[in-house]
Amino acid sequence: MTEQTQLIPGNSLITNTPEEGRQLAVKMARLVIKLTQPDADVRDKLRPVYAEDAAMLIAIGQTVATEFATIAQANNYWR
């Protein structure tokens, strides 16, 4: 990843629906992982490790949940 990587796609947390917000949260979490480990080959090698580790999968879910909470608040919880 380069310095020009946009960690908030479109530079906005505003979405039309909660579903779009959830999709944005997943995308943002994936971007953080790519930024943290920029080598695609290393990420591919690690995937089987976390794919079978319940604690790691829960941690991934928590990361997405945190991103989603931020997006939901930015959208005034779609009120």
PDB file of N, CA and C in Angstrom:
ATOM      1  N   MET A   1       0.839  -1.172   0.000  1.00  0.00           N
ATOM      2  CA  MET A   1       0.000   0.000   0.000  1.00  0.00           C
ATOM      3  C   MET A   1       0.889   1.242   0.000  1.00  0.00           C
ATOM      4  N   THR A   2       0.406   2.247  -0.619  1.00  0.00           N
ATOM      5  CA  THR A   2       1.174   3.480  -0.691  1.00  0.00           C
ATOM      6  C   THR A   2       0.596   4.508   0.259  1.00  0.00           C
ATOM      7  N   GLU A   3       1.303   5.630   0.387  1.00  0.00           N
ATOM      8  CA  GLU A   3       0.805   6.707   1.241  1.00  0.00           C
ATOM      9  C   GLU A   3      -0.525   7.249   0.718  1.00  0.00           C
ATOM     10  N   GLN A   4      -0.834   7.008  -0.548  1.00  0.00           N
ATOM     11  CA  GLN A   4      -2.059   7.522  -1.140  1.00  0.00           C
ATOM     12  C   GLN A   4      -3.256   6.604  -0.906  1.00  0.00           C
ATOM     13  N   THR A   5      -3.072   5.506  -0.196  1.00  0.00           N
ATOM     14  CA  THR A   5      -4.177   4.618   0.098  1.00  0.00           C
ATOM     15  C   THR A   5      -5.213   5.351   0.921  1.00  0.00           C
ATOM     16  N   GLN A   6      -6.427   5.304   0.459  1.00  0.00           N
ATOM     17  CA  GLN A   6      -7.517   5.981   1.150  1.00  0.00           C
ATOM     18  C   GLN A   6      -8.187   4.973   2.079  1.00  0.00           C
ATOM     19  N   LEU A   7      -8.011   5.166   3.385  1.00  0.00           N
ATOM     20  CA  LEU A   7      -8.561   4.227   4.358  1.00  0.00           C
ATOM     21  C   LEU A   7     -10.062   4.402   4.556  1.00  0.00           C
ATOM     22  N   ILE A   8     -10.593   5.535   4.147  1.00  0.00           N
ATOM     23  CA  ILE A   8     -12.043   5.750   4.157  1.00  0.00           C
ATOM     24  C   ILE A   8     -12.448   5.953   2.694  1.00  0.00           C
ATOM     25  N   PRO A   9     -12.920   4.887   2.053  1.00  0.00           N
ATOM     26  CA  PRO A   9     -13.275   4.990   0.638  1.00  0.00           C
ATOM     27  C   PRO A   9     -14.229   6.144   0.370  1.00  0.00           C
ATOM     28  N   GLY A  10     -13.893   6.956  -0.603  1.00  0.00           N
ATOM     29  CA  GLY A  10     -14.723   8.106  -0.936  1.00  0.00           C
ATOM     30  C   GLY A  10     -14.586   9.239   0.072  1.00  0.00           C
ATOM     31  N   ASN A  11     -13.711   9.050   1.052  1.00  0.00           N
ATOM     32  CA  ASN A  11     -13.443  10.048   2.094  1.00  0.00           C
ATOM     33  C   ASN A  11     -14.713  10.479   2.838  1.00  0.00           C
ATOM     34  N   SER A  12     -15.640   9.527   3.017  1.00  0.00           N
ATOM     35  CA  SER A  12     -16.877   9.831   3.728  1.00  0.00           C
ATOM     36  C   SER A  12     -17.395   8.583   4.436  1.00  0.00           C
ATOM     37  N   LEU A  13     -17.926   8.787   5.624  1.00  0.00           N
ATOM     38  CA  LEU A  13     -18.571   7.697   6.364  1.00  0.00           C
ATOM     39  C   LEU A  13     -20.080   7.683   6.143  1.00  0.00           C
ATOM     40  N   ILE A  14     -20.585   8.623   5.386  1.00  0.00           N
ATOM     41  CA  ILE A  14     -22.028   8.738   5.166  1.00  0.00           C
ATOM     42  C   ILE A  14     -22.483   7.693   4.144  1.00  0.00           C
ATOM     43  N   THR A  15     -23.493   6.933   4.528  1.00  0.00           N
ATOM     44  CA  THR A  15     -24.075   5.924   3.643  1.00  0.00           C
ATOM     45  C   THR A  15     -25.594   6.097   3.640  1.00  0.00           C
ATOM     46  N   ASN A  16     -26.239   5.557   2.635  1.00  0.00           N
ATOM     47  CA  ASN A  16     -27.694   5.692   2.521  1.00  0.00           C
ATOM     48  C   ASN A  16     -28.461   4.757   3.450  1.00  0.00           C
ATOM     49  N   THR A  17     -27.872   3.603   3.735  1.00  0.00           N
ATOM     50  CA  THR A  17     -28.579   2.592   4.530  1.00  0.00           C
ATOM     51  C   THR A  17     -27.622   1.918   5.498  1.00  0.00           C
ATOM     52  N   PRO A  18     -28.152   1.268   6.526  1.00  0.00           N
ATOM     53  CA  PRO A  18     -27.299   0.489   7.413  1.00  0.00           C
ATOM     54  C   PRO A  18     -26.537  -0.613   6.668  1.00  0.00           C
ATOM     55  N   GLU A  19     -27.169  -1.228   5.676  1.00  0.00           N
ATOM     56  CA  GLU A  19     -26.488  -2.268   4.897  1.00  0.00           C
ATOM     57  C   GLU A  19     -25.261  -1.701   4.201  1.00  0.00           C
ATOM     58  N   GLU A  20     -25.381  -0.539   3.591  1.00  0.00           N
ATOM     59  CA  GLU A  20     -24.227   0.097   2.956  1.00  0.00           C
ATOM     60  C   GLU A  20     -23.169   0.445   4.012  1.00  0.00           C
ATOM     61  N   GLY A  21     -23.634   0.837   5.190  1.00  0.00           N
ATOM     62  CA  GLY A  21     -22.706   1.133   6.278  1.00  0.00           C
ATOM     63  C   GLY A  21     -21.930  -0.097   6.704  1.00  0.00           C
ATOM     64  N   ARG A  22     -22.607  -1.216   6.771  1.00  0.00           N
ATOM     65  CA  ARG A  22     -21.942  -2.477   7.150  1.00  0.00           C
ATOM     66  C   ARG A  22     -20.925  -2.876   6.090  1.00  0.00           C
ATOM     67  N   GLN A  23     -21.290  -2.729   4.829  1.00  0.00           N
ATOM     68  CA  GLN A  23     -20.347  -3.041   3.752  1.00  0.00           C
ATOM     69  C   GLN A  23     -19.126  -2.135   3.814  1.00  0.00           C
ATOM     70  N   LEU A  24     -19.337  -0.868   4.127  1.00  0.00           N
ATOM     71  CA  LEU A  24     -18.223   0.062   4.271  1.00  0.00           C
ATOM     72  C   LEU A  24     -17.340  -0.343   5.444  1.00  0.00           C
ATOM     73  N   ALA A  25     -17.939  -0.783   6.538  1.00  0.00           N
ATOM     74  CA  ALA A  25     -17.172  -1.219   7.705  1.00  0.00           C
ATOM     75  C   ALA A  25     -16.266  -2.398   7.360  1.00  0.00           C
ATOM     76  N   VAL A  26     -16.795  -3.359   6.616  1.00  0.00           N
ATOM     77  CA  VAL A  26     -15.996  -4.515   6.195  1.00  0.00           C
ATOM     78  C   VAL A  26     -14.847  -4.058   5.303  1.00  0.00           C
ATOM     79  N   LYS A  27     -15.142  -3.178   4.361  1.00  0.00           N
ATOM     80  CA  LYS A  27     -14.104  -2.684   3.457  1.00  0.00           C
ATOM     81  C   LYS A  27     -13.006  -1.950   4.231  1.00  0.00           C
ATOM     82  N   MET A  28     -13.414  -1.116   5.191  1.00  0.00           N
ATOM     83  CA  MET A  28     -12.426  -0.376   5.972  1.00  0.00           C
ATOM     84  C   MET A  28     -11.556  -1.322   6.801  1.00  0.00           C
ATOM     85  N   ALA A  29     -12.160  -2.343   7.380  1.00  0.00           N
ATOM     86  CA  ALA A  29     -11.384  -3.315   8.152  1.00  0.00           C
ATOM     87  C   ALA A  29     -10.379  -4.034   7.254  1.00  0.00           C
ATOM     88  N   ARG A  30     -10.800  -4.384   6.050  1.00  0.00           N
ATOM     89  CA  ARG A  30      -9.890  -5.051   5.109  1.00  0.00           C
ATOM     90  C   ARG A  30      -8.736  -4.136   4.707  1.00  0.00           C
ATOM     91  N   LEU A  31      -9.020  -2.849   4.532  1.00  0.00           N
ATOM     92  CA  LEU A  31      -7.971  -1.901   4.178  1.00  0.00           C
ATOM     93  C   LEU A  31      -6.938  -1.773   5.299  1.00  0.00           C
ATOM     94  N   VAL A  32      -7.399  -1.800   6.540  1.00  0.00           N
ATOM     95  CA  VAL A  32      -6.470  -1.722   7.669  1.00  0.00           C
ATOM     96  C   VAL A  32      -5.557  -2.945   7.680  1.00  0.00           C
ATOM     97  N   ILE A  33      -6.116  -4.115   7.405  1.00  0.00           N
ATOM     98  CA  ILE A  33      -5.304  -5.331   7.362  1.00  0.00           C
ATOM     99  C   ILE A  33      -4.270  -5.234   6.249  1.00  0.00           C
ATOM    100  N   LYS A  34      -4.677  -4.745   5.080  1.00  0.00           N
ATOM    101  CA  LYS A  34      -3.730  -4.594   3.968  1.00  0.00           C
ATOM    102  C   LYS A  34      -2.648  -3.573   4.288  1.00  0.00           C
ATOM    103  N   LEU A  35      -3.006  -2.525   4.986  1.00  0.00           N
ATOM    104  CA  LEU A  35      -2.020  -1.517   5.364  1.00  0.00           C
ATOM    105  C   LEU A  35      -1.040  -2.083   6.384  1.00  0.00           C
ATOM    106  N   THR A  36      -1.568  -2.862   7.316  1.00  0.00           N
ATOM    107  CA  THR A  36      -0.734  -3.460   8.352  1.00  0.00           C
ATOM    108  C   THR A  36       0.208  -4.507   7.773  1.00  0.00           C
ATOM    109  N   GLN A  37      -0.279  -5.320   6.839  1.00  0.00           N
ATOM    110  CA  GLN A  37       0.559  -6.330   6.174  1.00  0.00           C
ATOM    111  C   GLN A  37       0.420  -6.127   4.665  1.00  0.00           C
ATOM    112  N   PRO A  38       1.276  -5.268   4.103  1.00  0.00           N
ATOM    113  CA  PRO A  38       1.142  -4.920   2.688  1.00  0.00           C
ATOM    114  C   PRO A  38       1.531  -6.034   1.711  1.00  0.00           C
ATOM    115  N   ASP A  39       2.195  -7.067   2.185  1.00  0.00           N
ATOM    116  CA  ASP A  39       2.639  -8.148   1.298  1.00  0.00           C
ATOM    117  C   ASP A  39       1.503  -9.156   1.091  1.00  0.00           C
ATOM    118  N   ALA A  40       0.954  -9.190  -0.110  1.00  0.00           N
ATOM    119  CA  ALA A  40      -0.182 -10.071  -0.414  1.00  0.00           C
ATOM    120  C   ALA A  40       0.183 -11.540  -0.221  1.00  0.00           C
ATOM    121  N   ASP A  41       1.403 -11.915  -0.547  1.00  0.00           N
ATOM    122  CA  ASP A  41       1.824 -13.314  -0.361  1.00  0.00           C
ATOM    123  C   ASP A  41       1.799 -13.706   1.114  1.00  0.00           C
ATOM    124  N   VAL A  42       2.239 -12.810   1.973  1.00  0.00           N
ATOM    125  CA  VAL A  42       2.218 -13.093   3.412  1.00  0.00           C
ATOM    126  C   VAL A  42       0.774 -13.206   3.891  1.00  0.00           C
ATOM    127  N   ARG A  43      -0.092 -12.295   3.447  1.00  0.00           N
ATOM    128  CA  ARG A  43      -1.510 -12.374   3.841  1.00  0.00           C
ATOM    129  C   ARG A  43      -2.118 -13.701   3.391  1.00  0.00           C
ATOM    130  N   ASP A  44      -1.779 -14.137   2.171  1.00  0.00           N
ATOM    131  CA  ASP A  44      -2.301 -15.411   1.671  1.00  0.00           C
ATOM    132  C   ASP A  44      -1.814 -16.585   2.521  1.00  0.00           C
ATOM    133  N   LYS A  45      -0.569 -16.526   2.963  1.00  0.00           N
ATOM    134  CA  LYS A  45      -0.029 -17.599   3.803  1.00  0.00           C
ATOM    135  C   LYS A  45      -0.681 -17.615   5.180  1.00  0.00           C
ATOM    136  N   LEU A  46      -1.044 -16.446   5.684  1.00  0.00           N
ATOM    137  CA  LEU A  46      -1.643 -16.355   7.016  1.00  0.00           C
ATOM    138  C   LEU A  46      -3.124 -16.715   7.032  1.00  0.00           C
ATOM    139  N   ARG A  47      -3.788 -16.586   5.903  1.00  0.00           N
ATOM    140  CA  ARG A  47      -5.236 -16.810   5.855  1.00  0.00           C
ATOM    141  C   ARG A  47      -5.647 -18.167   6.432  1.00  0.00           C
ATOM    142  N   PRO A  48      -4.982 -19.278   6.086  1.00  0.00           N
ATOM    143  CA  PRO A  48      -5.389 -20.559   6.673  1.00  0.00           C
ATOM    144  C   PRO A  48      -5.215 -20.603   8.197  1.00  0.00           C
ATOM    145  N   VAL A  49      -4.260 -19.845   8.713  1.00  0.00           N
ATOM    146  CA  VAL A  49      -4.035 -19.823  10.160  1.00  0.00           C
ATOM    147  C   VAL A  49      -5.237 -19.211  10.863  1.00  0.00           C
ATOM    148  N   TYR A  50      -5.646 -17.999  10.438  1.00  0.00           N
ATOM    149  CA  TYR A  50      -6.755 -17.364  11.145  1.00  0.00           C
ATOM    150  C   TYR A  50      -8.105 -17.944  10.746  1.00  0.00           C
ATOM    151  N   ALA A  51      -8.183 -18.588   9.593  1.00  0.00           N
ATOM    152  CA  ALA A  51      -9.452 -19.177   9.153  1.00  0.00           C
ATOM    153  C   ALA A  51      -9.900 -20.316  10.055  1.00  0.00           C
ATOM    154  N   GLU A  52      -8.959 -20.914  10.775  1.00  0.00           N
ATOM    155  CA  GLU A  52      -9.297 -22.031  11.650  1.00  0.00           C
ATOM    156  C   GLU A  52      -9.092 -21.702  13.121  1.00  0.00           C
ATOM    157  N   ASP A  53      -8.946 -20.434  13.428  1.00  0.00           N
ATOM    158  CA  ASP A  53      -8.731 -20.012  14.809  1.00  0.00           C
ATOM    159  C   ASP A  53      -9.922 -19.154  15.254  1.00  0.00           C
ATOM    160  N   ALA A  54     -10.753 -19.711  16.104  1.00  0.00           N
ATOM    161  CA  ALA A  54     -11.977 -19.026  16.525  1.00  0.00           C
ATOM    162  C   ALA A  54     -11.679 -17.661  17.153  1.00  0.00           C
ATOM    163  N   ALA A  55     -10.645 -17.559  17.953  1.00  0.00           N
ATOM    164  CA  ALA A  55     -10.323 -16.285  18.604  1.00  0.00           C
ATOM    165  C   ALA A  55      -9.951 -15.223  17.579  1.00  0.00           C
ATOM    166  N   MET A  56      -9.219 -15.613  16.550  1.00  0.00           N
ATOM    167  CA  MET A  56      -8.850 -14.659  15.502  1.00  0.00           C
ATOM    168  C   MET A  56     -10.068 -14.235  14.694  1.00  0.00           C
ATOM    169  N   LEU A  57     -10.968 -15.156  14.426  1.00  0.00           N
ATOM    170  CA  LEU A  57     -12.185 -14.812  13.689  1.00  0.00           C
ATOM    171  C   LEU A  57     -13.065 -13.869  14.504  1.00  0.00           C
ATOM    172  N   ILE A  58     -13.133 -14.095  15.806  1.00  0.00           N
ATOM    173  CA  ILE A  58     -13.895 -13.187  16.670  1.00  0.00           C
ATOM    174  C   ILE A  58     -13.258 -11.808  16.661  1.00  0.00           C
ATOM    175  N   ALA A  59     -11.930 -11.744  16.685  1.00  0.00           N
ATOM    176  CA  ALA A  59     -11.226 -10.455  16.655  1.00  0.00           C
ATOM    177  C   ALA A  59     -11.532  -9.701  15.359  1.00  0.00           C
ATOM    178  N   ILE A  60     -11.610 -10.419  14.260  1.00  0.00           N
ATOM    179  CA  ILE A  60     -11.954  -9.786  12.987  1.00  0.00           C
ATOM    180  C   ILE A  60     -13.373  -9.217  13.060  1.00  0.00           C
ATOM    181  N   GLY A  61     -14.288  -9.997  13.621  1.00  0.00           N
ATOM    182  CA  GLY A  61     -15.662  -9.521  13.789  1.00  0.00           C
ATOM    183  C   GLY A  61     -15.724  -8.283  14.666  1.00  0.00           C
ATOM    184  N   GLN A  62     -14.915  -8.246  15.705  1.00  0.00           N
ATOM    185  CA  GLN A  62     -14.893  -7.078  16.589  1.00  0.00           C
ATOM    186  C   GLN A  62     -14.357  -5.847  15.862  1.00  0.00           C
ATOM    187  N   THR A  63     -13.372  -6.048  15.003  1.00  0.00           N
ATOM    188  CA  THR A  63     -12.831  -4.935  14.228  1.00  0.00           C
ATOM    189  C   THR A  63     -13.910  -4.349  13.320  1.00  0.00           C
ATOM    190  N   VAL A  64     -14.638  -5.206  12.638  1.00  0.00           N
ATOM    191  CA  VAL A  64     -15.727  -4.731  11.765  1.00  0.00           C
ATOM    192  C   VAL A  64     -16.807  -4.053  12.595  1.00  0.00           C
ATOM    193  N   ALA A  65     -17.137  -4.607  13.748  1.00  0.00           N
ATOM    194  CA  ALA A  65     -18.165  -4.012  14.603  1.00  0.00           C
ATOM    195  C   ALA A  65     -17.765  -2.610  15.064  1.00  0.00           C
ATOM    196  N   THR A  66     -16.497  -2.432  15.383  1.00  0.00           N
ATOM    197  CA  THR A  66     -16.017  -1.116  15.801  1.00  0.00           C
ATOM    198  C   THR A  66     -16.123  -0.120  14.660  1.00  0.00           C
ATOM    199  N   GLU A  67     -15.716  -0.536  13.460  1.00  0.00           N
ATOM    200  CA  GLU A  67     -15.839   0.334  12.287  1.00  0.00           C
ATOM    201  C   GLU A  67     -17.313   0.672  12.042  1.00  0.00           C
ATOM    202  N   PHE A  68     -18.187  -0.331  12.157  1.00  0.00           N
ATOM    203  CA  PHE A  68     -19.610  -0.106  11.904  1.00  0.00           C
ATOM    204  C   PHE A  68     -20.206   0.858  12.927  1.00  0.00           C
ATOM    205  N   ALA A  69     -19.808   0.744  14.185  1.00  0.00           N
ATOM    206  CA  ALA A  69     -20.317   1.658  15.214  1.00  0.00           C
ATOM    207  C   ALA A  69     -19.943   3.100  14.885  1.00  0.00           C
ATOM    208  N   THR A  70     -18.742   3.297  14.399  1.00  0.00           N
ATOM    209  CA  THR A  70     -18.299   4.641  14.018  1.00  0.00           C
ATOM    210  C   THR A  70     -19.128   5.163  12.846  1.00  0.00           C
ATOM    211  N   ILE A  71     -19.354   4.313  11.855  1.00  0.00           N
ATOM    212  CA  ILE A  71     -20.135   4.701  10.675  1.00  0.00           C
ATOM    213  C   ILE A  71     -21.586   4.977  11.066  1.00  0.00           C
ATOM    214  N   ALA A  72     -22.148   4.135  11.925  1.00  0.00           N
ATOM    215  CA  ALA A  72     -23.540   4.336  12.362  1.00  0.00           C
ATOM    216  C   ALA A  72     -23.689   5.675  13.073  1.00  0.00           C
ATOM    217  N   GLN A  73     -22.748   6.001  13.926  1.00  0.00           N
ATOM    218  CA  GLN A  73     -22.813   7.284  14.631  1.00  0.00           C
ATOM    219  C   GLN A  73     -22.693   8.448  13.652  1.00  0.00           C
ATOM    220  N   ALA A  74     -21.803   8.322  12.669  1.00  0.00           N
ATOM    221  CA  ALA A  74     -21.643   9.384  11.674  1.00  0.00           C
ATOM    222  C   ALA A  74     -22.918   9.588  10.873  1.00  0.00           C
ATOM    223  N   ASN A  75     -23.726   8.546  10.749  1.00  0.00           N
ATOM    224  CA  ASN A  75     -24.975   8.608  10.002  1.00  0.00           C
ATOM    225  C   ASN A  75     -26.180   8.852  10.914  1.00  0.00           C
ATOM    226  N   ASN A  76     -25.908   9.286  12.125  1.00  0.00           N
ATOM    227  CA  ASN A  76     -26.974   9.532  13.099  1.00  0.00           C
ATOM    228  C   ASN A  76     -27.893   8.312  13.193  1.00  0.00           C
ATOM    229  N   TYR A  77     -27.254   7.147  13.121  1.00  0.00           N
ATOM    230  CA  TYR A  77     -27.948   5.858  13.230  1.00  0.00           C
ATOM    231  C   TYR A  77     -29.105   5.750  12.223  1.00  0.00           C
ATOM    232  N   TRP A  78     -28.937   6.396  11.070  1.00  0.00           N
ATOM    233  CA  TRP A  78     -29.871   6.366   9.932  1.00  0.00           C
ATOM    234  C   TRP A  78     -31.263   6.850  10.318  1.00  0.00           C
ATOM    235  N   ARG A  79     -31.313   7.809  11.207  1.00  0.00           N
ATOM    236  CA  ARG A  79     -32.613   8.407  11.588  1.00  0.00           C
ATOM    237  C   ARG A  79     -33.017   9.432  10.586  1.00  0.00           C
TER     238      ARG A  79
END
